[in-house]
C-alpha atoms as a PDB file:
ATOM      1  CA  UNK A   1       3.896   2.277  -8.704  1.00  0.00           C
ATOM      2  CA  UNK A   2       5.991   4.143  -5.910  1.00  0.00           C
ATOM      3  CA  UNK A   3       7.910   1.407  -3.693  1.00  0.00           C
ATOM      4  CA  UNK A   4       5.701   2.766  -0.863  1.00  0.00           C
ATOM      5  CA  UNK A   5       2.661   2.343  -2.839  1.00  0.00           C
ATOM      6  CA  UNK A   6       3.447  -1.114  -3.156  1.00  0.00           C
ATOM      7  CA  UNK A   7       4.233  -1.942   0.605  1.00  0.00           C
ATOM      8  CA  UNK A   8       0.799  -0.966   1.432  1.00  0.00           C
ATOM      9  CA  UNK A   9      -0.831  -3.405  -1.194  1.00  0.00           C
ATOM     10  CA  UNK A  10       1.234  -5.811  -0.045  1.00  0.00           C
ATOM     11  CA  UNK A  11       0.733  -5.228   3.732  1.00  0.00           C
ATOM     12  CA  UNK A  12      -2.607  -5.682   3.195  1.00  0.00           C
ATOM     13  CA  UNK A  13      -2.329  -9.365   2.650  1.00  0.00           C
ATOM     14  CA  UNK A  14      -1.007 -10.201   6.057  1.00  0.00           C
ATOM     15  CA  UNK A  15      -4.640  -9.526   7.306  1.00  0.00           C
ATOM     16  CA  UNK A  16      -7.512 -11.624   7.340  1.00  0.00           C
ATOM     17  CA  UNK A  17      -9.768 -10.910   3.844  1.00  0.00           C
ATOM     18  CA  UNK A  18      -6.807  -8.784   2.405  1.00  0.00           C
ATOM     19  CA  UNK A  19      -8.761  -5.901   4.895  1.00  0.00           C
ATOM     20  CA  UNK A  20      -7.715  -3.887   7.968  1.00  0.00           C
ATOM     21  CA  UNK A  21      -7.922  -0.600   9.652  1.00  0.00           C
ATOM     22  CA  UNK A  22      -5.329   2.074   7.804  1.00  0.00           C
ATOM     23  CA  UNK A  23      -4.609   2.708  11.416  1.00  0.00           C
ATOM     24  CA  UNK A  24      -2.750  -0.937  11.636  1.00  0.00           C
ATOM     25  CA  UNK A  25      -0.837  -0.807   8.293  1.00  0.00           C
ATOM     26  CA  UNK A  26       2.696   0.229   9.347  1.00  0.00           C
ATOM     27  CA  UNK A  27       4.767   1.566   6.361  1.00  0.00           C
ATOM     28  CA  UNK A  28       7.592   3.416   7.659  1.00  0.00           C
ATOM     29  CA  UNK A  29       8.546   5.272  10.697  1.00  0.00           C
ATOM     30  CA  UNK A  30       9.508   8.357   8.501  1.00  0.00           C
ATOM     31  CA  UNK A  31       5.737   8.090   6.936  1.00  0.00           C
ATOM     32  CA  UNK A  32       3.136  10.350   9.139  1.00  0.00           C
ATOM     33  CA  UNK A  33      -0.195   9.423   9.543  1.00  0.00           C
ATOM     34  CA  UNK A  34      -1.592  12.040   7.142  1.00  0.00           C
ATOM     35  CA  UNK A  35       1.022  10.602   4.575  1.00  0.00           C
ATOM     36  CA  UNK A  36       0.077   7.513   4.901  1.00  0.00           C
ATOM     37  CA  UNK A  37      -3.926   8.792   4.203  1.00  0.00           C
ATOM     38  CA  UNK A  38      -2.591  10.637   0.996  1.00  0.00           C
ATOM     39  CA  UNK A  39      -0.949   7.488  -0.071  1.00  0.00           C
ATOM     40  CA  UNK A  40      -3.783   5.029   0.319  1.00  0.00           C
ATOM     41  CA  UNK A  41      -6.087   7.778  -1.005  1.00  0.00           C
ATOM     42  CA  UNK A  42      -4.528   7.921  -4.552  1.00  0.00           C
ATOM     43  CA  UNK A  43      -4.348   3.978  -4.490  1.00  0.00           C
ATOM     44  CA  UNK A  44      -8.439   4.579  -3.974  1.00  0.00           C
ATOM     45  CA  UNK A  45      -9.173   7.001  -6.676  1.00  0.00           C
ATOM     46  CA  UNK A  46      -6.744   4.090  -9.482  1.00  0.00           C
ATOM     47  CA  UNK A  47      -8.678   1.763  -8.279  1.00  0.00           C
ATOM     48  CA  UNK A  48      -6.276  -0.962  -6.487  1.00  0.00           C
ATOM     49  CA  UNK A  49      -7.657  -0.334  -2.878  1.00  0.00           C
ATOM     50  CA  UNK A  50     -11.608   0.248  -1.579  1.00  0.00           C
ATOM     51  CA  UNK A  51     -11.905   2.173   1.500  1.00  0.00           C
ATOM     52  CA  UNK A  52     -14.346   3.368   4.520  1.00  0.00           C
ATOM     53  CA  UNK A  53     -14.102   6.650   5.680  1.00  0.00           C
ATOM     54  CA  UNK A  54     -15.971   8.495   8.356  1.00  0.00           C
ATOM     55  CA  UNK A  55     -16.894  12.805   8.025  1.00  0.00           C
ATOM     56  CA  UNK A  56     -16.308  14.594  11.087  1.00  0.00           C
ATOM     57  CA  UNK A  57     -17.406  18.172   9.844  1.00  0.00           C
ATOM     58  CA  UNK A  58     -18.898  19.562   6.936  1.00  0.00           C
ATOM     59  CA  UNK A  59     -21.479  22.330   5.683  1.00  0.00           C
ATOM     60  CA  UNK A  60     -24.221  22.652   3.507  1.00  0.00           C
ATOM     61  CA  UNK A  61     -23.124  23.294  -0.098  1.00  0.00           C
ATOM     62  CA  UNK A  62     -24.795  25.858  -2.685  1.00  0.00           C
ATOM     63  CA  UNK A  63     -26.799  22.532  -4.805  1.00  0.00           C
ATOM     64  CA  UNK A  64     -28.111  21.681  -0.882  1.00  0.00           C
ATOM     65  CA  UNK A  65     -29.098  25.170  -0.633  1.00  0.00           C
ATOM     66  CA  UNK A  66     -31.075  24.972  -3.887  1.00  0.00           C
ATOM     67  CA  UNK A  67     -33.036  21.672  -2.830  1.00  0.00           C
ATOM     68  CA  UNK A  68     -33.800  22.802   0.844  1.00  0.00           C
ATOM     69  CA  UNK A  69     -35.596  25.940  -0.663  1.00  0.00           C
ATOM     70  CA  UNK A  70     -37.534  23.564  -3.231  1.00  0.00           C
ATOM     71  CA  UNK A  71     -40.912  22.926  -1.651  1.00  0.00           C
ATOM     72  CA  UNK A  72     -41.692  19.404  -3.187  1.00  0.00           C
ATOM     73  CA  UNK A  73     -41.958  16.229  -2.067  1.00  0.00           C
ATOM     74  CA  UNK A  74     -40.489  14.677  -5.665  1.00  0.00           C
ATOM     75  CA  UNK A  75     -36.325  15.984  -4.603  1.00  0.00           C
ATOM     76  CA  UNK A  76     -34.294  13.012  -4.330  1.00  0.00           C
ATOM     77  CA  UNK A  77     -34.031  13.518  -0.473  1.00  0.00           C
ATOM     78  CA  UNK A  78     -34.778  11.346   2.369  1.00  0.00           C
ATOM     79  CA  UNK A  79     -36.017  12.136   5.502  1.00  0.00           C
ATOM     80  CA  UNK A  80     -33.202  12.011   7.260  1.00  0.00           C
ATOM     81  CA  UNK A  81     -30.924  13.709   4.501  1.00  0.00           C
ATOM     82  CA  UNK A  82     -33.404  16.922   4.383  1.00  0.00           C
ATOM     83  CA  UNK A  83     -32.753  16.935   8.305  1.00  0.00           C
ATOM     84  CA  UNK A  84     -28.916  16.905   7.774  1.00  0.00           C
ATOM     85  CA  UNK A  85     -28.890  19.639   4.899  1.00  0.00           C
ATOM     86  CA  UNK A  86     -31.488  21.892   7.650  1.00  0.00           C
ATOM     87  CA  UNK A  87     -28.787  21.513  10.170  1.00  0.00           C
ATOM     88  CA  UNK A  88     -25.980  22.439   8.269  1.00  0.00           C
ATOM     89  CA  UNK A  89     -27.621  25.377   6.508  1.00  0.00           C
ATOM     90  CA  UNK A  90     -26.183  28.319   8.952  1.00  0.00           C
ATOM     91  CA  UNK A  91     -22.904  26.886   8.865  1.00  0.00           C
ATOM     92  CA  UNK A  92     -20.235  23.961   9.168  1.00  0.00           C
ATOM     93  CA  UNK A  93     -21.225  21.450  11.888  1.00  0.00           C
ATOM     94  CA  UNK A  94     -20.240  18.163  13.119  1.00  0.00           C
ATOM     95  CA  UNK A  95     -21.465  14.917  12.051  1.00  0.00           C
ATOM     96  CA  UNK A  96     -23.203  14.682  15.802  1.00  0.00           C
ATOM     97  CA  UNK A  97     -24.772  17.913  15.336  1.00  0.00           C
ATOM     98  CA  UNK A  98     -26.871  16.914  12.935  1.00  0.00           C
ATOM     99  CA  UNK A  99     -29.692  15.482  15.460  1.00  0.00           C
ATOM    100  CA  UNK A 100     -29.770  11.444  13.555  1.00  0.00           C
ATOM    101  CA  UNK A 101     -29.114   8.439  15.130  1.00  0.00           C
ATOM    102  CA  UNK A 102     -25.586   7.921  15.108  1.00  0.00           C
ATOM    103  CA  UNK A 103     -26.025   4.440  13.449  1.00  0.00           C
ATOM    104  CA  UNK A 104     -27.602   6.692  10.356  1.00  0.00           C
ATOM    105  CA  UNK A 105     -25.107   9.531  10.368  1.00  0.00           C
ATOM    106  CA  UNK A 106     -22.246   8.407   8.101  1.00  0.00           C
ATOM    107  CA  UNK A 107     -23.989   6.754   5.518  1.00  0.00           C
ATOM    108  CA  UNK A 108     -26.852   9.907   5.199  1.00  0.00           C
ATOM    109  CA  UNK A 109     -23.948  12.257   5.324  1.00  0.00           C
ATOM    110  CA  UNK A 110     -21.276  10.086   2.860  1.00  0.00           C
ATOM    111  CA  UNK A 111     -24.368  10.240   0.714  1.00  0.00           C
ATOM    112  CA  UNK A 112     -24.728  13.891   0.471  1.00  0.00           C
ATOM    113  CA  UNK A 113     -21.582  14.150   0.048  1.00  0.00           C
ATOM    114  CA  UNK A 114     -20.879  12.112  -2.971  1.00  0.00           C
ATOM    115  CA  UNK A 115     -24.137  14.134  -4.535  1.00  0.00           C
ATOM    116  CA  UNK A 116     -22.187  17.431  -3.829  1.00  0.00           C
ATOM    117  CA  UNK A 117     -24.907  18.843  -1.685  1.00  0.00           C
ATOM    118  CA  UNK A 118     -22.571  19.372   0.844  1.00  0.00           C
ATOM    119  CA  UNK A 119     -18.820  20.407   1.643  1.00  0.00           C
ATOM    120  CA  UNK A 120     -16.247  18.779   3.260  1.00  0.00           C
ATOM    121  CA  UNK A 121     -12.431  19.360   3.903  1.00  0.00           C
ATOM    122  CA  UNK A 122     -10.424  17.011   2.957  1.00  0.00           C
ATOM    123  CA  UNK A 123      -8.981  17.219   6.949  1.00  0.00           C
ATOM    124  CA  UNK A 124     -12.522  16.491   8.115  1.00  0.00           C
ATOM    125  CA  UNK A 125     -12.693  13.214   5.759  1.00  0.00           C
ATOM    126  CA  UNK A 126     -10.666  10.443   7.067  1.00  0.00           C
ATOM    127  CA  UNK A 127     -10.036   6.891   5.618  1.00  0.00           C
ATOM    128  CA  UNK A 128     -11.218   4.145   8.420  1.00  0.00           C
ATOM    129  CA  UNK A 129     -10.665   0.976   6.892  1.00  0.00           C
ATOM    130  CA  UNK A 130      -9.001  -0.163   3.274  1.00  0.00           C
ATOM    131  CA  UNK A 131      -9.370  -3.381   1.550  1.00  0.00           C
ATOM    132  CA  UNK A 132      -7.971  -4.786  -1.795  1.00  0.00           C
ATOM    133  CA  UNK A 133     -10.034  -4.196  -4.839  1.00  0.00           C
ATOM    134  CA  UNK A 134     -10.615  -6.716  -7.416  1.00  0.00           C
ATOM    135  CA  UNK A 135      -8.331  -4.719  -9.325  1.00  0.00           C
ATOM    136  CA  UNK A 136      -5.758  -4.959  -6.502  1.00  0.00           C
ATOM    137  CA  UNK A 137      -5.772  -8.621  -6.687  1.00  0.00           C
ATOM    138  CA  UNK A 138      -5.541  -8.707 -10.342  1.00  0.00           C
ATOM    139  CA  UNK A 139      -2.198  -6.688 -10.741  1.00  0.00           C
ATOM    140  CA  UNK A 140      -0.334  -8.812  -7.961  1.00  0.00           C
ATOM    141  CA  UNK A 141      -1.868 -12.096  -9.441  1.00  0.00           C
ATOM    142  CA  UNK A 142      -0.983 -11.031 -13.138  1.00  0.00           C
ATOM    143  CA  UNK A 143       1.390  -7.675 -13.193  1.00  0.00           C
ATOM    144  CA  UNK A 144       3.602  -7.866 -10.256  1.00  0.00           C
ATOM    145  CA  UNK A 145       7.075  -8.516 -10.824  1.00  0.00           C
ATOM    146  CA  UNK A 146       8.831  -9.193  -7.274  1.00  0.00           C
ATOM    147  CA  UNK A 147      12.322  -9.314  -8.987  1.00  0.00           C
ATOM    148  CA  UNK A 148      11.861  -5.268  -9.248  1.00  0.00           C
ATOM    149  CA  UNK A 149      10.954  -4.277  -5.805  1.00  0.00           C
ATOM    150  CA  UNK A 150      13.079  -6.740  -3.639  1.00  0.00           C
ATOM    151  CA  UNK A 151      13.746  -4.321  -0.787  1.00  0.00           C
ATOM    152  CA  UNK A 152      10.034  -4.039  -0.580  1.00  0.00           C
ATOM    153  CA  UNK A 153       9.593  -8.098   0.335  1.00  0.00           C
ATOM    154  CA  UNK A 154      10.407  -9.093   3.456  1.00  0.00           C
ATOM    155  CA  UNK A 155      10.496 -12.698   4.284  1.00  0.00           C
ATOM    156  CA  UNK A 156       6.819 -12.317   5.443  1.00  0.00           C
ATOM    157  CA  UNK A 157       5.607 -10.356   2.949  1.00  0.00           C
ATOM    158  CA  UNK A 158       7.158 -12.399   0.896  1.00  0.00           C
ATOM    159  CA  UNK A 159       5.633 -15.583   2.263  1.00  0.00           C
ATOM    160  CA  UNK A 160       2.141 -13.565   2.459  1.00  0.00           C
ATOM    161  CA  UNK A 161       2.258 -13.213  -1.339  1.00  0.00           C
ATOM    162  CA  UNK A 162       2.826 -16.323  -2.250  1.00  0.00           C
ATOM    163  CA  UNK A 163      -0.376 -17.828  -0.061  1.00  0.00           C
ATOM    164  CA  UNK A 164      -2.316 -15.053  -1.741  1.00  0.00           C
ATOM    165  CA  UNK A 165      -1.085 -16.255  -5.467  1.00  0.00           C
ATOM    166  CA  UNK A 166      -2.215 -19.746  -4.021  1.00  0.00           C
ATOM    167  CA  UNK A 167      -5.747 -18.868  -3.009  1.00  0.00           C
ATOM    168  CA  UNK A 168      -5.976 -16.858  -5.581  1.00  0.00           C
ATOM    169  CA  UNK A 169      -5.202 -19.249  -8.619  1.00  0.00           C
ATOM    170  CA  UNK A 170      -7.031 -21.988  -6.095  1.00  0.00           C
ATOM    171  CA  UNK A 171     -10.766 -19.836  -6.633  1.00  0.00           C
ATOM    172  CA  UNK A 172      -9.777 -18.868  -9.930  1.00  0.00           C
ATOM    173  CA  UNK A 173      -8.487 -22.235 -11.780  1.00  0.00           C
ATOM    174  CA  UNK A 174     -10.850 -24.836  -9.884  1.00  0.00           C
ATOM    175  CA  UNK A 175     -10.790 -27.240 -12.890  1.00  0.00           C
ATOM    176  CA  UNK A 176      -8.115 -25.877 -14.860  1.00  0.00           C
ATOM    177  CA  UNK A 177      -4.755 -25.869 -15.153  1.00  0.00           C
ATOM    178  CA  UNK A 178      -3.003 -22.086 -15.668  1.00  0.00           C
ATOM    179  CA  UNK A 179      -1.748 -22.987 -19.264  1.00  0.00           C
ATOM    180  CA  UNK A 180      -5.350 -23.733 -20.496  1.00  0.00           C
ATOM    181  CA  UNK A 181      -7.073 -20.715 -18.494  1.00  0.00           C
ATOM    182  CA  UNK A 182      -8.800 -17.899 -20.855  1.00  0.00           C
ATOM    183  CA  UNK A 183      -8.064 -14.464 -19.457  1.00  0.00           C
ATOM    184  CA  UNK A 184     -10.736 -11.932 -19.092  1.00  0.00           C
ATOM    185  CA  UNK A 185     -11.020  -9.169 -22.266  1.00  0.00           C
ATOM    186  CA  UNK A 186     -10.260  -6.769 -18.422  1.00  0.00           C
ATOM    187  CA  UNK A 187      -7.439  -8.588 -17.455  1.00  0.00           C
ATOM    188  CA  UNK A 188      -6.316  -8.303 -20.863  1.00  0.00           C
ATOM    189  CA  UNK A 189      -6.861  -4.710 -21.224  1.00  0.00           C
ATOM    190  CA  UNK A 190      -5.288  -4.021 -17.489  1.00  0.00           C
ATOM    191  CA  UNK A 191      -2.160  -5.473 -18.476  1.00  0.00           C
ATOM    192  CA  UNK A 192      -1.784  -3.779 -21.679  1.00  0.00           C
ATOM    193  CA  UNK A 193      -2.003  -0.516 -19.492  1.00  0.00           C
ATOM    194  CA  UNK A 194       0.785  -1.338 -17.234  1.00  0.00           C
ATOM    195  CA  UNK A 195       2.758  -2.285 -19.961  1.00  0.00           C
ATOM    196  CA  UNK A 196       2.768   0.695 -21.535  1.00  0.00           C
ATOM    197  CA  UNK A 197       3.407   3.025 -18.786  1.00  0.00           C
ATOM    198  CA  UNK A 198       6.500   0.418 -18.462  1.00  0.00           C
ATOM    199  CA  UNK A 199       7.774   0.563 -21.874  1.00  0.00           C
ATOM    200  CA  UNK A 200       6.481   4.226 -23.064  1.00  0.00           C
ATOM    201  CA  UNK A 201       6.689   3.140 -26.929  1.00  0.00           C
ATOM    202  CA  UNK A 202       5.612   5.471 -29.595  1.00  0.00           C
ATOM    203  CA  UNK A 203       3.536   3.425 -31.976  1.00  0.00           C
ATOM    204  CA  UNK A 204       2.182   1.246 -29.324  1.00  0.00           C
ATOM    205  CA  UNK A 205       2.733  -1.583 -27.845  1.00  0.00           C
ATOM    206  CA  UNK A 206       4.847  -4.260 -29.045  1.00  0.00           C
ATOM    207  CA  UNK A 207       2.292  -7.349 -29.260  1.00  0.00           C
ATOM    208  CA  UNK A 208       5.939  -9.681 -28.380  1.00  0.00           C
ATOM    209  CA  UNK A 209       5.874  -7.948 -24.946  1.00  0.00           C
ATOM    210  CA  UNK A 210       2.038  -8.670 -24.067  1.00  0.00           C
ATOM    211  CA  UNK A 211       2.917 -12.044 -25.100  1.00  0.00           C
ATOM    212  CA  UNK A 212       5.737 -12.617 -23.146  1.00  0.00           C
ATOM    213  CA  UNK A 213       3.727 -10.878 -19.908  1.00  0.00           C
ATOM    214  CA  UNK A 214       0.739 -13.334 -20.527  1.00  0.00           C
ATOM    215  CA  UNK A 215       2.289 -16.832 -21.150  1.00  0.00           C
ATOM    216  CA  UNK A 216       1.436 -19.491 -20.135  1.00  0.00           C
ATOM    217  CA  UNK A 217      -1.900 -18.075 -19.309  1.00  0.00           C
ATOM    218  CA  UNK A 218      -2.443 -17.611 -23.081  1.00  0.00           C
ATOM    219  CA  UNK A 219      -1.823 -19.496 -26.009  1.00  0.00           C
ATOM    220  CA  UNK A 220      -0.936 -18.062 -28.969  1.00  0.00           C
ATOM    221  CA  UNK A 221      -3.882 -18.668 -30.782  1.00  0.00           C
ATOM    222  CA  UNK A 222      -6.142 -17.741 -27.714  1.00  0.00           C
ATOM    223  CA  UNK A 223      -4.481 -13.704 -27.346  1.00  0.00           C
ATOM    224  CA  UNK A 224      -4.887 -13.669 -31.029  1.00  0.00           C
ATOM    225  CA  UNK A 225      -8.276 -14.274 -30.773  1.00  0.00           C
ATOM    226  CA  UNK A 226      -8.754 -12.225 -27.715  1.00  0.00           C
ATOM    227  CA  UNK A 227      -6.975  -8.860 -29.009  1.00  0.00           C
ATOM    228  CA  UNK A 228      -9.540  -9.437 -32.334  1.00  0.00           C
ATOM    229  CA  UNK A 229     -12.472  -9.387 -30.064  1.00  0.00           C
ATOM    230  CA  UNK A 230     -11.232  -6.392 -28.189  1.00  0.00           C
ATOM    231  CA  UNK A 231     -10.154  -4.734 -31.507  1.00  0.00           C
ATOM    232  CA  UNK A 232     -13.950  -5.619 -33.029  1.00  0.00           C
ATOM    233  CA  UNK A 233     -15.140  -3.959 -29.778  1.00  0.00           C
ATOM    234  CA  UNK A 234     -13.095  -0.712 -30.053  1.00  0.00           C
ATOM    235  CA  UNK A 235     -11.389  -1.144 -27.128  1.00  0.00           C
ATOM    236  CA  UNK A 236      -8.046  -1.116 -28.039  1.00  0.00           C
ATOM    237  CA  UNK A 237      -6.087  -0.438 -31.933  1.00  0.00           C
ATOM    238  CA  UNK A 238      -3.848  -3.355 -33.912  1.00  0.00           C
ATOM    239  CA  UNK A 239      -1.555  -1.918 -36.435  1.00  0.00           C
ATOM    240  CA  UNK A 240       1.017  -3.308 -38.666  1.00  0.00           C
ATOM    241  CA  UNK A 241       5.071  -3.308 -38.544  1.00  0.00           C
ATOM    242  CA  UNK A 242       5.291  -1.199 -41.737  1.00  0.00           C
ATOM    243  CA  UNK A 243       9.201  -0.811 -41.696  1.00  0.00           C
ATOM    244  CA  UNK A 244      10.885  -3.550 -39.852  1.00  0.00           C
ATOM    245  CA  UNK A 245      14.395  -2.579 -40.723  1.00  0.00           C
ATOM    246  CA  UNK A 246      13.284   1.230 -39.010  1.00  0.00           C
ATOM    247  CA  UNK A 247      13.182  -0.647 -35.609  1.00  0.00           C
ATOM    248  CA  UNK A 248      15.976  -3.193 -33.577  1.00  0.00           C
ATOM    249  CA  UNK A 249      13.198  -6.002 -32.935  1.00  0.00           C
ATOM    250  CA  UNK A 250      14.992  -9.297 -33.079  1.00  0.00           C
ATOM    251  CA  UNK A 251      13.034 -11.352 -35.709  1.00  0.00           C
ATOM    252  CA  UNK A 252      11.872 -13.890 -32.966  1.00  0.00           C
ATOM    253  CA  UNK A 253       9.862 -10.436 -31.856  1.00  0.00           C
ATOM    254  CA  UNK A 254       8.897  -9.856 -34.987  1.00  0.00           C
ATOM    255  CA  UNK A 255       7.153 -13.669 -35.788  1.00  0.00           C
ATOM    256  CA  UNK A 256       5.210 -12.676 -31.907  1.00  0.00           C
ATOM    257  CA  UNK A 257       3.013 -10.198 -34.046  1.00  0.00           C
ATOM    258  CA  UNK A 258      -0.266 -11.380 -35.806  1.00  0.00           C
ATOM    259  CA  UNK A 259       0.116 -13.003 -38.888  1.00  0.00           C
ATOM    260  CA  UNK A 260      -1.894 -11.588 -41.658  1.00  0.00           C
ATOM    261  CA  UNK A 261      -2.811 -13.803 -45.023  1.00  0.00           C
ATOM    262  CA  UNK A 262      -2.156 -10.533 -46.491  1.00  0.00           C
ATOM    263  CA  UNK A 263       0.177  -7.551 -45.858  1.00  0.00           C
ATOM    264  CA  UNK A 264       2.522  -7.130 -42.890  1.00  0.00           C
ATOM    265  CA  UNK A 265       1.275  -8.921 -39.778  1.00  0.00           C
ATOM    266  CA  UNK A 266       0.143  -6.923 -36.838  1.00  0.00           C
ATOM    267  CA  UNK A 267       2.564  -6.043 -33.890  1.00  0.00           C
ATOM    268  CA  UNK A 268       1.267  -3.293 -32.134  1.00  0.00           C
ATOM    269  CA  UNK A 269      -1.158  -2.943 -29.936  1.00  0.00           C
ATOM    270  CA  UNK A 270      -2.782   0.703 -28.428  1.00  0.00           C
ATOM    271  CA  UNK A 271      -5.634   1.237 -25.944  1.00  0.00           C
ATOM    272  CA  UNK A 272      -8.166   3.308 -27.244  1.00  0.00           C
END
């Protein structure tokens, strides 16, 4: 994750419910409003953030024209959606020119846009509010390493990050210690994905790195069980270390693999 992307996520921690108008998130004096919106859009596309947006201008798309030509009440269009399509059939119009009540406009227009029935230029779709998604929270809880981005963490951001962690673990672990909490499969898969990007290995992610990242959240036995389960669900693939001498792994790292009754230990994990 880029430094400026990380800073935007951390800035959200300073707002209530980790939610704020994008215009309130100040990153750097050299970053323009357009660049800030592009950064936010990329984080939304990757699932770290969720946003609400406003469409100011649009025109009907070919599928929308096709729908208007059909004389049928069975089409998946509401009365207001038909009205918007008819209003935009002659060319690009503003949201106000749709003729539907202001409180309904964006809901109707965005529904049509998401279904490809109207065309919206990027400059006419503006992010309004942004908030931290569940994936974004999990990234900060289990994968973010502050030591790798010291320049991003001001004393204020560090304080809010610590408060976020405390609150998160109080909610997730109300009656259990961190050592006995079993992580969900999604969190394990997310950690594997992040480590694969960081380490860029040829044969897969060595399990020793995964154990180190998830300790003490998962014991050795708990992680083994989780990996076997994920393999059965065809989410991952586990492979053995066939020729240890061909690698530079330490004996401790090799021992961190999954021992099998027959054959070499399972050592690499790869997402499918």
